[in-house]
Each structure stands twice: as structure tokens, then as C-alpha cells.
Amino acid sequence: MRDDPIVEEIRKIRREHTDKFGGDLHAICEDLRRQEKESGREYVSFPPRKVSEEFAESSERK
């Protein structure tokens, strides 16, 4: 498999961002939300999808 320089760059940025917050997922998400707010861009959120009863039941068995 060939190395993709764009993928490698994204992975490097993710690693640096994770290291900046010591792997604390809560802090990482808070920082990303802050960046979204400061960007001035409009972000769209969709409501969560309902899980079918069949899928929920099969997940409970695992």
C-alpha cells in the first residue's frame, strides 16, 4: 500500500492535537467546539437516528 502524504499530514495533525491535551477526549472535543465557534462558520447538526428494535435487541445480546 502506498503512503498518501495527505493522509499522513492529517494523522500528524491529529497526533499533535491529541498530545496537546494528553489524550483527554473531553478536552479535545471542547477545543474542537471552541474552534468551530471562533471560525464564524455555520455548522449543521442532525438529530440522532432512531435505532430499530431489531438492531437494539441484537446489540444487547453481544
PDB file of N, CA and C in Angstrom:
ATOM      1  N   MET A   1       0.843  -1.176   0.000  1.00  0.00           N
ATOM      2  CA  MET A   1       0.000   0.000   0.000  1.00  0.00           C
ATOM      3  C   MET A   1       0.891   1.244   0.000  1.00  0.00           C
ATOM      4  N   ARG A   2       0.584   2.182  -0.872  1.00  0.00           N
ATOM      5  CA  ARG A   2       1.380   3.407  -0.976  1.00  0.00           C
ATOM      6  C   ARG A   2       1.047   4.367   0.154  1.00  0.00           C
ATOM      7  N   ASP A   3       2.066   5.112   0.573  1.00  0.00           N
ATOM      8  CA  ASP A   3       1.844   6.150   1.569  1.00  0.00           C
ATOM      9  C   ASP A   3       1.223   7.354   0.892  1.00  0.00           C
ATOM     10  N   ASP A   4       0.175   7.871   1.490  1.00  0.00           N
ATOM     11  CA  ASP A   4      -0.511   9.041   0.967  1.00  0.00           C
ATOM     12  C   ASP A   4      -0.081  10.236   1.814  1.00  0.00           C
ATOM     13  N   PRO A   5       0.586  11.230   1.229  1.00  0.00           N
ATOM     14  CA  PRO A   5       1.084  12.356   2.011  1.00  0.00           C
ATOM     15  C   PRO A   5      -0.029  13.163   2.679  1.00  0.00           C
ATOM     16  N   ILE A   6      -1.192  13.217   2.080  1.00  0.00           N
ATOM     17  CA  ILE A   6      -2.301  13.959   2.685  1.00  0.00           C
ATOM     18  C   ILE A   6      -2.801  13.232   3.930  1.00  0.00           C
ATOM     19  N   VAL A   7      -2.952  11.917   3.826  1.00  0.00           N
ATOM     20  CA  VAL A   7      -3.385  11.124   4.976  1.00  0.00           C
ATOM     21  C   VAL A   7      -2.349  11.223   6.085  1.00  0.00           C
ATOM     22  N   GLU A   8      -1.086  11.140   5.736  1.00  0.00           N
ATOM     23  CA  GLU A   8      -0.019  11.249   6.735  1.00  0.00           C
ATOM     24  C   GLU A   8      -0.046  12.608   7.426  1.00  0.00           C
ATOM     25  N   GLU A   9      -0.304  13.666   6.675  1.00  0.00           N
ATOM     26  CA  GLU A   9      -0.374  15.011   7.260  1.00  0.00           C
ATOM     27  C   GLU A   9      -1.542  15.110   8.243  1.00  0.00           C
ATOM     28  N   ILE A  10      -2.686  14.565   7.863  1.00  0.00           N
ATOM     29  CA  ILE A  10      -3.855  14.585   8.746  1.00  0.00           C
ATOM     30  C   ILE A  10      -3.573  13.793  10.017  1.00  0.00           C
ATOM     31  N   ARG A  11      -2.958  12.633   9.882  1.00  0.00           N
ATOM     32  CA  ARG A  11      -2.626  11.820  11.058  1.00  0.00           C
ATOM     33  C   ARG A  11      -1.651  12.546  11.974  1.00  0.00           C
ATOM     34  N   LYS A  12      -0.687  13.236  11.386  1.00  0.00           N
ATOM     35  CA  LYS A  12       0.290  14.001  12.172  1.00  0.00           C
ATOM     36  C   LYS A  12      -0.418  15.099  12.970  1.00  0.00           C
ATOM     37  N   ILE A  13      -1.324  15.819  12.318  1.00  0.00           N
ATOM     38  CA  ILE A  13      -2.063  16.889  12.988  1.00  0.00           C
ATOM     39  C   ILE A  13      -2.925  16.315  14.108  1.00  0.00           C
ATOM     40  N   ARG A  14      -3.572  15.185  13.859  1.00  0.00           N
ATOM     41  CA  ARG A  14      -4.396  14.546  14.894  1.00  0.00           C
ATOM     42  C   ARG A  14      -3.549  14.130  16.091  1.00  0.00           C
ATOM     43  N   ARG A  15      -2.385  13.533  15.815  1.00  0.00           N
ATOM     44  CA  ARG A  15      -1.496  13.121  16.910  1.00  0.00           C
ATOM     45  C   ARG A  15      -1.067  14.328  17.736  1.00  0.00           C
ATOM     46  N   GLU A  16      -0.697  15.410  17.061  1.00  0.00           N
ATOM     47  CA  GLU A  16      -0.267  16.618  17.766  1.00  0.00           C
ATOM     48  C   GLU A  16      -1.403  17.189  18.612  1.00  0.00           C
ATOM     49  N   HIS A  17      -2.604  17.191  18.061  1.00  0.00           N
ATOM     50  CA  HIS A  17      -3.760  17.709  18.795  1.00  0.00           C
ATOM     51  C   HIS A  17      -4.059  16.827  20.001  1.00  0.00           C
ATOM     52  N   THR A  18      -3.980  15.525  19.832  1.00  0.00           N
ATOM     53  CA  THR A  18      -4.203  14.591  20.934  1.00  0.00           C
ATOM     54  C   THR A  18      -3.149  14.776  22.014  1.00  0.00           C
ATOM     55  N   ASP A  19      -1.897  14.900  21.615  1.00  0.00           N
ATOM     56  CA  ASP A  19      -0.809  15.090  22.575  1.00  0.00           C
ATOM     57  C   ASP A  19      -0.959  16.400  23.341  1.00  0.00           C
ATOM     58  N   LYS A  20      -1.446  17.431  22.669  1.00  0.00           N
ATOM     59  CA  LYS A  20      -1.635  18.749  23.298  1.00  0.00           C
ATOM     60  C   LYS A  20      -2.551  18.644  24.518  1.00  0.00           C
ATOM     61  N   PHE A  21      -3.517  17.721  24.467  1.00  0.00           N
ATOM     62  CA  PHE A  21      -4.476  17.557  25.554  1.00  0.00           C
ATOM     63  C   PHE A  21      -4.258  16.264  26.329  1.00  0.00           C
ATOM     64  N   GLY A  22      -3.105  15.663  26.150  1.00  0.00           N
ATOM     65  CA  GLY A  22      -2.762  14.459  26.894  1.00  0.00           C
ATOM     66  C   GLY A  22      -3.728  13.306  26.669  1.00  0.00           C
ATOM     67  N   GLY A  23      -4.350  13.277  25.493  1.00  0.00           N
ATOM     68  CA  GLY A  23      -5.278  12.193  25.179  1.00  0.00           C
ATOM     69  C   GLY A  23      -6.637  12.330  25.843  1.00  0.00           C
ATOM     70  N   ASP A  24      -6.892  13.457  26.524  1.00  0.00           N
ATOM     71  CA  ASP A  24      -8.169  13.685  27.209  1.00  0.00           C
ATOM     72  C   ASP A  24      -9.245  14.003  26.174  1.00  0.00           C
ATOM     73  N   LEU A  25     -10.101  13.026  25.888  1.00  0.00           N
ATOM     74  CA  LEU A  25     -11.108  13.170  24.838  1.00  0.00           C
ATOM     75  C   LEU A  25     -12.052  14.332  25.117  1.00  0.00           C
ATOM     76  N   HIS A  26     -12.433  14.518  26.376  1.00  0.00           N
ATOM     77  CA  HIS A  26     -13.328  15.627  26.736  1.00  0.00           C
ATOM     78  C   HIS A  26     -12.679  16.964  26.373  1.00  0.00           C
ATOM     79  N   ALA A  27     -11.420  17.137  26.726  1.00  0.00           N
ATOM     80  CA  ALA A  27     -10.712  18.386  26.424  1.00  0.00           C
ATOM     81  C   ALA A  27     -10.541  18.577  24.919  1.00  0.00           C
ATOM     82  N   ILE A  28     -10.279  17.504  24.202  1.00  0.00           N
ATOM     83  CA  ILE A  28     -10.130  17.581  22.742  1.00  0.00           C
ATOM     84  C   ILE A  28     -11.440  18.062  22.117  1.00  0.00           C
ATOM     85  N   CYS A  29     -12.556  17.467  22.543  1.00  0.00           N
ATOM     86  CA  CYS A  29     -13.867  17.853  21.987  1.00  0.00           C
ATOM     87  C   CYS A  29     -14.205  19.292  22.336  1.00  0.00           C
ATOM     88  N   GLU A  30     -13.917  19.713  23.559  1.00  0.00           N
ATOM     89  CA  GLU A  30     -14.163  21.104  23.949  1.00  0.00           C
ATOM     90  C   GLU A  30     -13.362  22.057  23.068  1.00  0.00           C
ATOM     91  N   ASP A  31     -12.120  21.712  22.791  1.00  0.00           N
ATOM     92  CA  ASP A  31     -11.283  22.559  21.944  1.00  0.00           C
ATOM     93  C   ASP A  31     -11.835  22.625  20.526  1.00  0.00           C
ATOM     94  N   LEU A  32     -12.296  21.504  20.006  1.00  0.00           N
ATOM     95  CA  LEU A  32     -12.872  21.497  18.660  1.00  0.00           C
ATOM     96  C   LEU A  32     -14.143  22.342  18.605  1.00  0.00           C
ATOM     97  N   ARG A  33     -14.965  22.270  19.667  1.00  0.00           N
ATOM     98  CA  ARG A  33     -16.173  23.112  19.709  1.00  0.00           C
ATOM     99  C   ARG A  33     -15.793  24.587  19.752  1.00  0.00           C
ATOM    100  N   ARG A  34     -14.762  24.914  20.526  1.00  0.00           N
ATOM    101  CA  ARG A  34     -14.293  26.298  20.612  1.00  0.00           C
ATOM    102  C   ARG A  34     -13.827  26.780  19.241  1.00  0.00           C
ATOM    103  N   GLN A  35     -13.074  25.936  18.540  1.00  0.00           N
ATOM    104  CA  GLN A  35     -12.589  26.306  17.209  1.00  0.00           C
ATOM    105  C   GLN A  35     -13.748  26.527  16.240  1.00  0.00           C
ATOM    106  N   GLU A  36     -14.779  25.687  16.341  1.00  0.00           N
ATOM    107  CA  GLU A  36     -15.953  25.861  15.484  1.00  0.00           C
ATOM    108  C   GLU A  36     -16.610  27.209  15.745  1.00  0.00           C
ATOM    109  N   LYS A  37     -16.774  27.561  17.029  1.00  0.00           N
ATOM    110  CA  LYS A  37     -17.394  28.835  17.392  1.00  0.00           C
ATOM    111  C   LYS A  37     -16.589  30.015  16.866  1.00  0.00           C
ATOM    112  N   GLU A  38     -15.277  29.953  17.059  1.00  0.00           N
ATOM    113  CA  GLU A  38     -14.407  31.057  16.667  1.00  0.00           C
ATOM    114  C   GLU A  38     -14.272  31.196  15.154  1.00  0.00           C
ATOM    115  N   SER A  39     -14.555  30.136  14.423  1.00  0.00           N
ATOM    116  CA  SER A  39     -14.376  30.177  12.969  1.00  0.00           C
ATOM    117  C   SER A  39     -15.402  31.076  12.291  1.00  0.00           C
ATOM    118  N   GLY A  40     -16.553  31.258  12.937  1.00  0.00           N
ATOM    119  CA  GLY A  40     -17.601  32.064  12.339  1.00  0.00           C
ATOM    120  C   GLY A  40     -18.408  31.328  11.283  1.00  0.00           C
ATOM    121  N   ARG A  41     -18.068  30.090  11.034  1.00  0.00           N
ATOM    122  CA  ARG A  41     -18.805  29.291  10.051  1.00  0.00           C
ATOM    123  C   ARG A  41     -20.069  28.731  10.683  1.00  0.00           C
ATOM    124  N   GLU A  42     -21.021  28.418   9.839  1.00  0.00           N
ATOM    125  CA  GLU A  42     -22.254  27.808  10.315  1.00  0.00           C
ATOM    126  C   GLU A  42     -22.127  26.294  10.182  1.00  0.00           C
ATOM    127  N   TYR A  43     -22.316  25.597  11.299  1.00  0.00           N
ATOM    128  CA  TYR A  43     -22.240  24.138  11.306  1.00  0.00           C
ATOM    129  C   TYR A  43     -23.638  23.572  11.476  1.00  0.00           C
ATOM    130  N   VAL A  44     -23.902  22.475  10.817  1.00  0.00           N
ATOM    131  CA  VAL A  44     -25.219  21.850  10.850  1.00  0.00           C
ATOM    132  C   VAL A  44     -25.136  20.570  11.664  1.00  0.00           C
ATOM    133  N   SER A  45     -26.084  20.399  12.563  1.00  0.00           N
ATOM    134  CA  SER A  45     -26.185  19.163  13.339  1.00  0.00           C
ATOM    135  C   SER A  45     -27.516  18.511  13.027  1.00  0.00           C
ATOM    136  N   PHE A  46     -27.484  17.235  12.859  1.00  0.00           N
ATOM    137  CA  PHE A  46     -28.697  16.483  12.602  1.00  0.00           C
ATOM    138  C   PHE A  46     -29.074  15.718  13.858  1.00  0.00           C
ATOM    139  N   PRO A  47     -30.383  15.535  14.094  1.00  0.00           N
ATOM    140  CA  PRO A  47     -30.786  14.755  15.265  1.00  0.00           C
ATOM    141  C   PRO A  47     -30.326  13.309  15.107  1.00  0.00           C
ATOM    142  N   PRO A  48     -30.079  12.633  16.227  1.00  0.00           N
ATOM    143  CA  PRO A  48     -29.646  11.235  16.127  1.00  0.00           C
ATOM    144  C   PRO A  48     -30.722  10.379  15.473  1.00  0.00           C
ATOM    145  N   ARG A  49     -30.283   9.372  14.765  1.00  0.00           N
ATOM    146  CA  ARG A  49     -31.218   8.447  14.122  1.00  0.00           C
ATOM    147  C   ARG A  49     -31.753   7.468  15.156  1.00  0.00           C
ATOM    148  N   LYS A  50     -33.007   7.095  14.986  1.00  0.00           N
ATOM    149  CA  LYS A  50     -33.587   6.084  15.867  1.00  0.00           C
ATOM    150  C   LYS A  50     -33.061   4.717  15.455  1.00  0.00           C
ATOM    151  N   VAL A  51     -32.764   3.913  16.437  1.00  0.00           N
ATOM    152  CA  VAL A  51     -32.274   2.563  16.187  1.00  0.00           C
ATOM    153  C   VAL A  51     -33.477   1.634  16.149  1.00  0.00           C
ATOM    154  N   SER A  52     -33.520   0.781  15.154  1.00  0.00           N
ATOM    155  CA  SER A  52     -34.642  -0.156  15.063  1.00  0.00           C
ATOM    156  C   SER A  52     -34.599  -1.108  16.251  1.00  0.00           C
ATOM    157  N   GLU A  53     -35.769  -1.577  16.664  1.00  0.00           N
ATOM    158  CA  GLU A  53     -35.844  -2.501  17.801  1.00  0.00           C
ATOM    159  C   GLU A  53     -35.039  -3.765  17.532  1.00  0.00           C
ATOM    160  N   GLU A  54     -35.088  -4.246  16.309  1.00  0.00           N
ATOM    161  CA  GLU A  54     -34.356  -5.461  15.943  1.00  0.00           C
ATOM    162  C   GLU A  54     -32.855  -5.265  16.143  1.00  0.00           C
ATOM    163  N   PHE A  55     -32.334  -4.131  15.707  1.00  0.00           N
ATOM    164  CA  PHE A  55     -30.908  -3.855  15.859  1.00  0.00           C
ATOM    165  C   PHE A  55     -30.553  -3.690  17.333  1.00  0.00           C
ATOM    166  N   ALA A  56     -31.391  -2.989  18.083  1.00  0.00           N
ATOM    167  CA  ALA A  56     -31.131  -2.775  19.503  1.00  0.00           C
ATOM    168  C   ALA A  56     -31.092  -4.103  20.250  1.00  0.00           C
ATOM    169  N   GLU A  57     -32.022  -4.986  19.934  1.00  0.00           N
ATOM    170  CA  GLU A  57     -32.060  -6.291  20.595  1.00  0.00           C
ATOM    171  C   GLU A  57     -30.833  -7.124  20.256  1.00  0.00           C
ATOM    172  N   SER A  58     -30.400  -7.088  19.008  1.00  0.00           N
ATOM    173  CA  SER A  58     -29.225  -7.877  18.625  1.00  0.00           C
ATOM    174  C   SER A  58     -27.971  -7.310  19.273  1.00  0.00           C
ATOM    175  N   SER A  59     -27.918  -6.010  19.500  1.00  0.00           N
ATOM    176  CA  SER A  59     -26.761  -5.391  20.150  1.00  0.00           C
ATOM    177  C   SER A  59     -26.705  -5.749  21.624  1.00  0.00           C
ATOM    178  N   GLU A  60     -27.869  -5.898  22.246  1.00  0.00           N
ATOM    179  CA  GLU A  60     -27.925  -6.236  23.669  1.00  0.00           C
ATOM    180  C   GLU A  60     -27.413  -7.642  23.934  1.00  0.00           C
ATOM    181  N   ARG A  61     -27.562  -8.533  22.976  1.00  0.00           N
ATOM    182  CA  ARG A  61     -27.138  -9.928  23.151  1.00  0.00           C
ATOM    183  C   ARG A  61     -25.626 -10.086  23.124  1.00  0.00           C
ATOM    184  N   LYS A  62     -24.930  -9.130  22.577  1.00  0.00           N
ATOM    185  CA  LYS A  62     -23.472  -9.259  22.415  1.00  0.00           C
ATOM    186  C   LYS A  62     -22.738  -8.978  23.685  1.00  0.00           C
TER     187      LYS A  62
END
